[in-house]
Amino acid sequence: MNDFQPMRVSEEATADRPWLASLVGTNDCNTILLDLTKFAAGTHYEAGTLLQPRNVLKSGLPLGKVTATGMYAPYSGPTSEVQTVTITGTPTGGTYTLTWSGQTTAGIPYNATAAQVQAALEALSNIEVGDVIVSGGPHPGTVVTVTFAGRYMGDDQAQMTASAASLTGGTSPAVNIATTTAGGASTASDGTEVLAGFLATESMFAPGSTKTSGALLWFGEVFAAKCPIPFDPTDVASVAPGVNIHYR
């Protein structure tokens, strides 16, 4: 006689949702209408391809409700500071340094990638991993963009300075820093400055569409640092009635 014992198996699937800290609340999602004219390719959705012609909105996007239409759009919380690093004079060798809030990086190669610039900044004692997001590059031909995130998201930041003394070759090589977006409080007044929740799952839509449906997670737990766009819950000034999100 075989001795079979009953066995219960429980599975939780969070594929493509690394930002979701718990399945609690996923059964309570509200069906909403998204205003696609307010979402940007790359930032909020992945553009379609020949094999997969539909665009895909990223899950985990923080959302706000547009007062005039009742549709949902990206949450317009406090603005993150964005600064650019531009090398001029076409150097062919050497390094440069960046200084921020009294701390100076080690030498950054004249042809550094965004990842190398980010690593140099994160090595400073006052910048932790996640405090800056660096894109663009590589130098010297392409501008590098530094977006302040993490602890510094939503705050006005001092502008970095740079030293090009160790760059070589070219014609009078220099490093220019510019602030393209000053950090600070939200300037939105259309309702999206109030956090309504998060897009619970990926949503597909055809190119050229102006609206699509989605699922709004308004109750649950979220890893804020793993959301598809920079998000700092400590900067949220206002949430919609009933919204109850816990952050890890």
Protein backbone atom coordinates (compact mmCIF):
# COMPACT_ATOMS: atom_id res chain seq x y z
CA MET A 1 0.00 0.00 0.00
CA ASN A 2 1.38 3.37 -1.02
CA ASP A 3 1.42 6.08 1.59
CA PHE A 4 0.46 9.25 -0.33
CA GLN A 5 0.38 12.39 1.71
CA PRO A 6 -1.62 15.46 0.65
CA MET A 7 0.52 18.36 -0.45
CA ARG A 8 -0.43 21.98 -1.04
CA VAL A 9 1.64 24.16 -3.36
CA SER A 10 1.38 27.93 -3.34
CA GLU A 11 3.04 30.09 -5.99
CA GLU A 12 3.41 33.84 -6.30
CA ALA A 13 4.27 35.27 -9.69
CA THR A 14 5.76 38.76 -9.87
CA ALA A 15 7.46 38.44 -13.27
CA ASP A 16 8.30 41.84 -14.75
CA ARG A 17 7.22 43.47 -11.48
CA PRO A 18 10.40 43.77 -9.38
CA TRP A 19 8.91 46.90 -7.79
CA LEU A 20 6.04 44.91 -6.24
CA ALA A 21 6.88 44.03 -2.64
CA SER A 22 3.72 42.05 -1.89
CA LEU A 23 0.73 40.63 -3.76
CA VAL A 24 -1.50 42.17 -1.11
CA GLY A 25 -3.77 44.66 -2.85
CA THR A 26 -3.37 43.26 -6.35
CA ASN A 27 -6.88 41.81 -6.16
CA ASP A 28 -8.27 45.25 -5.34
CA CYS A 29 -6.93 47.09 -8.39
CA ASN A 30 -9.22 49.58 -10.12
CA THR A 31 -9.66 49.62 -13.89
CA ILE A 32 -8.62 53.04 -15.17
CA LEU A 33 -8.23 54.91 -18.46
CA LEU A 34 -4.73 56.15 -19.31
CA ASP A 35 -4.08 59.32 -21.34
CA LEU A 36 -1.32 58.07 -23.65
CA THR A 37 -0.54 61.56 -24.95
CA LYS A 38 1.14 62.26 -21.62
CA PHE A 39 3.47 59.22 -21.66
CA ALA A 40 6.91 59.24 -23.31
CA ALA A 41 8.62 56.44 -25.23
CA GLY A 42 11.62 55.03 -23.41
CA THR A 43 10.71 56.66 -20.12
CA HIS A 44 7.19 55.28 -19.65
CA TYR A 45 6.84 52.66 -22.35
CA GLU A 46 8.87 50.47 -24.65
CA ALA A 47 8.20 51.15 -28.33
CA GLY A 48 7.06 48.25 -30.49
CA THR A 49 9.15 46.41 -33.06
CA LEU A 50 8.43 44.73 -36.39
CA LEU A 51 7.93 41.43 -34.60
CA GLN A 52 5.96 43.00 -31.74
CA PRO A 53 4.29 46.12 -33.16
CA ARG A 54 2.52 47.15 -29.97
CA ASN A 55 3.97 49.57 -27.41
CA VAL A 56 4.15 48.37 -23.80
CA LEU A 57 3.61 50.65 -20.80
CA LYS A 58 5.94 49.67 -17.97
CA SER A 59 4.36 48.28 -14.82
CA GLY A 60 5.12 50.14 -11.61
CA LEU A 61 4.69 53.63 -13.04
CA PRO A 62 3.44 56.07 -10.37
CA LEU A 63 0.24 57.71 -11.63
CA GLY A 64 -1.89 60.76 -10.99
CA LYS A 65 -5.44 61.55 -12.12
CA VAL A 66 -5.95 64.44 -14.53
CA THR A 67 -8.73 66.54 -13.01
CA ALA A 68 -10.13 67.84 -16.30
CA THR A 69 -10.54 64.46 -18.01
CA GLY A 70 -10.62 61.87 -15.25
CA MET A 71 -7.92 59.92 -17.10
CA TYR A 72 -4.60 58.93 -15.58
CA ALA A 73 -1.11 60.17 -16.48
CA PRO A 74 2.41 59.98 -15.01
CA TYR A 75 2.59 61.28 -11.45
CA SER A 76 4.15 64.75 -11.45
CA GLY A 77 5.84 64.81 -8.09
CA PRO A 78 8.79 66.95 -7.07
CA THR A 79 11.22 67.59 -9.92
CA SER A 80 14.62 65.91 -9.86
CA GLU A 81 17.71 68.02 -10.53
CA VAL A 82 19.31 67.30 -13.91
CA GLN A 83 22.81 68.49 -14.81
CA THR A 84 24.86 67.86 -17.94
CA VAL A 85 28.60 67.31 -18.39
CA THR A 86 29.98 68.38 -21.76
CA ILE A 87 33.59 68.04 -22.94
CA THR A 88 34.75 70.52 -25.56
CA GLY A 89 38.02 70.91 -27.46
CA THR A 90 38.14 67.25 -28.66
CA PRO A 91 40.76 65.91 -26.19
CA THR A 92 42.49 62.67 -27.11
CA GLY A 93 43.62 61.54 -23.66
CA GLY A 94 43.80 62.28 -19.97
CA THR A 95 41.15 62.65 -17.30
CA TYR A 96 38.91 65.23 -15.66
CA THR A 97 37.28 65.49 -12.23
CA LEU A 98 33.88 66.50 -10.92
CA THR A 99 33.32 68.25 -7.59
CA TRP A 100 29.98 68.28 -5.78
CA SER A 101 29.17 69.51 -2.29
CA GLY A 102 32.82 69.69 -1.28
CA GLN A 103 33.81 66.25 -2.58
CA THR A 104 35.94 65.63 -5.70
CA THR A 105 35.97 62.48 -7.78
CA ALA A 106 38.99 60.51 -8.87
CA GLY A 107 40.08 61.11 -12.45
CA ILE A 108 37.39 60.30 -15.03
CA PRO A 109 38.67 59.20 -18.46
CA TYR A 110 38.29 61.67 -21.33
CA ASN A 111 36.25 59.00 -23.18
CA ALA A 112 34.25 57.79 -20.17
CA THR A 113 30.92 56.04 -20.51
CA ALA A 114 27.88 56.98 -18.45
CA ALA A 115 28.57 53.98 -16.22
CA GLN A 116 32.11 55.19 -15.50
CA VAL A 117 30.90 58.68 -14.60
CA GLN A 118 28.23 57.22 -12.33
CA ALA A 119 30.78 54.96 -10.61
CA ALA A 120 33.08 57.94 -10.02
CA LEU A 121 30.26 59.95 -8.42
CA GLU A 122 29.06 57.01 -6.32
CA ALA A 123 32.58 56.65 -4.93
CA LEU A 124 32.18 60.02 -3.18
CA SER A 125 31.42 59.88 0.53
CA ASN A 126 28.23 61.95 0.12
CA ILE A 127 26.73 60.01 -2.80
CA GLU A 128 25.39 56.51 -2.28
CA VAL A 129 24.41 53.99 -4.92
CA GLY A 130 21.08 55.18 -6.34
CA ASP A 131 21.61 58.85 -5.48
CA VAL A 132 22.49 59.70 -9.09
CA ILE A 133 21.43 58.22 -12.42
CA VAL A 134 23.85 58.91 -15.27
CA SER A 135 22.95 58.52 -18.95
CA GLY A 136 24.20 59.60 -22.36
CA GLY A 137 27.86 59.52 -23.38
CA PRO A 138 30.38 58.33 -24.07
CA HIS A 139 32.67 61.35 -23.91
CA PRO A 140 34.07 63.35 -25.49
CA GLY A 141 31.60 63.49 -28.36
CA THR A 142 28.35 63.01 -26.44
CA VAL A 143 26.95 64.87 -23.44
CA VAL A 144 26.58 62.95 -20.17
CA THR A 145 23.44 63.64 -18.13
CA VAL A 146 23.38 63.34 -14.33
CA THR A 147 19.96 63.05 -12.66
CA PHE A 148 19.87 63.30 -8.88
CA ALA A 149 17.75 60.54 -7.34
CA GLY A 150 17.59 58.55 -4.11
CA ARG A 151 18.11 60.82 -1.10
CA TYR A 152 18.45 63.87 -3.35
CA MET A 153 15.38 63.40 -5.50
CA GLY A 154 13.04 66.38 -5.59
CA ASP A 155 15.58 68.76 -4.04
CA ASP A 156 17.41 71.72 -5.53
CA GLN A 157 21.09 70.82 -5.76
CA ALA A 158 24.28 72.82 -5.98
CA GLN A 159 25.74 72.70 -9.47
CA MET A 160 28.76 70.46 -9.92
CA THR A 161 32.07 71.99 -10.96
CA ALA A 162 34.75 70.37 -13.08
CA SER A 163 38.48 70.47 -13.64
CA ALA A 164 39.89 69.74 -17.09
CA ALA A 165 43.52 70.31 -16.09
CA SER A 166 44.50 66.71 -16.84
CA LEU A 167 42.87 66.43 -20.26
CA THR A 168 45.36 66.17 -23.11
CA GLY A 169 45.38 66.69 -26.86
CA GLY A 170 42.80 68.52 -28.89
CA THR A 171 42.39 72.28 -28.78
CA SER A 172 41.99 73.86 -25.34
CA PRO A 173 39.92 70.98 -23.91
CA ALA A 174 37.40 71.97 -21.24
CA VAL A 175 34.52 70.51 -19.25
CA ASN A 176 31.29 72.48 -19.01
CA ILE A 177 28.54 71.83 -16.42
CA ALA A 178 24.98 73.06 -16.94
CA THR A 179 21.79 72.66 -14.92
CA THR A 180 19.03 71.78 -17.38
CA THR A 181 16.35 71.08 -14.76
CA ALA A 182 16.40 72.55 -11.27
CA GLY A 183 15.17 70.24 -8.54
CA GLY A 184 12.27 71.29 -6.38
CA ALA A 185 8.59 71.01 -5.60
CA SER A 186 6.10 69.89 -8.22
CA THR A 187 4.90 72.61 -10.58
CA ALA A 188 1.95 70.58 -11.87
CA SER A 189 -1.57 71.82 -11.14
CA ASP A 190 -3.65 69.48 -13.29
CA GLY A 191 -4.18 66.82 -10.62
CA THR A 192 -1.15 64.70 -11.46
CA GLU A 193 0.72 66.24 -8.53
CA VAL A 194 -1.42 63.97 -6.31
CA LEU A 195 -0.28 60.33 -6.21
CA ALA A 196 -3.16 58.03 -7.16
CA GLY A 197 -1.26 54.73 -7.16
CA PHE A 198 0.84 52.57 -9.49
CA LEU A 199 0.24 50.84 -12.81
CA ALA A 200 -0.16 47.27 -11.61
CA THR A 201 0.70 45.43 -14.83
CA GLU A 202 2.18 46.13 -18.23
CA SER A 203 -0.36 47.58 -20.66
CA MET A 204 -0.05 47.13 -24.42
CA PHE A 205 -1.36 49.64 -26.94
CA ALA A 206 -1.13 50.27 -30.66
CA PRO A 207 1.14 53.10 -31.90
CA GLY A 208 -0.95 56.20 -32.49
CA SER A 209 -3.48 55.36 -29.77
CA THR A 210 -4.40 58.21 -27.44
CA LYS A 211 -5.83 56.19 -24.57
CA THR A 212 -5.89 52.68 -23.16
CA SER A 213 -7.10 50.87 -20.07
CA GLY A 214 -4.95 49.76 -17.17
CA ALA A 215 -5.06 48.49 -13.60
CA LEU A 216 -4.36 50.88 -10.72
CA LEU A 217 -2.72 49.51 -7.58
CA TRP A 218 -3.81 51.84 -4.78
CA PHE A 219 -3.30 49.51 -1.81
CA GLY A 220 -0.23 47.37 -1.16
CA GLU A 221 3.53 47.36 -0.76
CA VAL A 222 6.12 48.72 -3.19
CA PHE A 223 9.91 48.76 -3.56
CA ALA A 224 10.18 52.43 -4.52
CA ALA A 225 13.79 52.12 -5.67
CA LYS A 226 12.79 49.48 -8.23
CA CYS A 227 10.06 51.50 -9.95
CA PRO A 228 10.78 52.08 -13.67
CA ILE A 229 11.32 55.81 -13.15
CA PRO A 230 13.01 57.55 -10.18
CA PHE A 231 10.59 57.78 -7.27
CA ASP A 232 11.17 58.89 -3.69
CA PRO A 233 8.17 58.25 -1.40
CA THR A 234 9.45 60.75 1.17
CA ASP A 235 8.83 63.51 -1.39
CA VAL A 236 5.15 62.65 -1.90
CA ALA A 237 3.24 65.65 -0.62
CA SER A 238 -0.30 64.47 -1.39
CA VAL A 239 -2.10 61.22 -2.16
CA ALA A 240 -5.60 60.60 -3.46
CA PRO A 241 -8.33 59.57 -0.98
CA GLY A 242 -8.10 55.90 -0.03
CA VAL A 243 -4.57 55.40 -1.33
CA ASN A 244 -2.60 53.29 1.14
CA ILE A 245 0.84 52.30 -0.13
CA HIS A 246 3.63 51.04 2.11
CA TYR A 247 7.22 51.35 0.88
CA ARG A 248 10.23 49.15 1.45
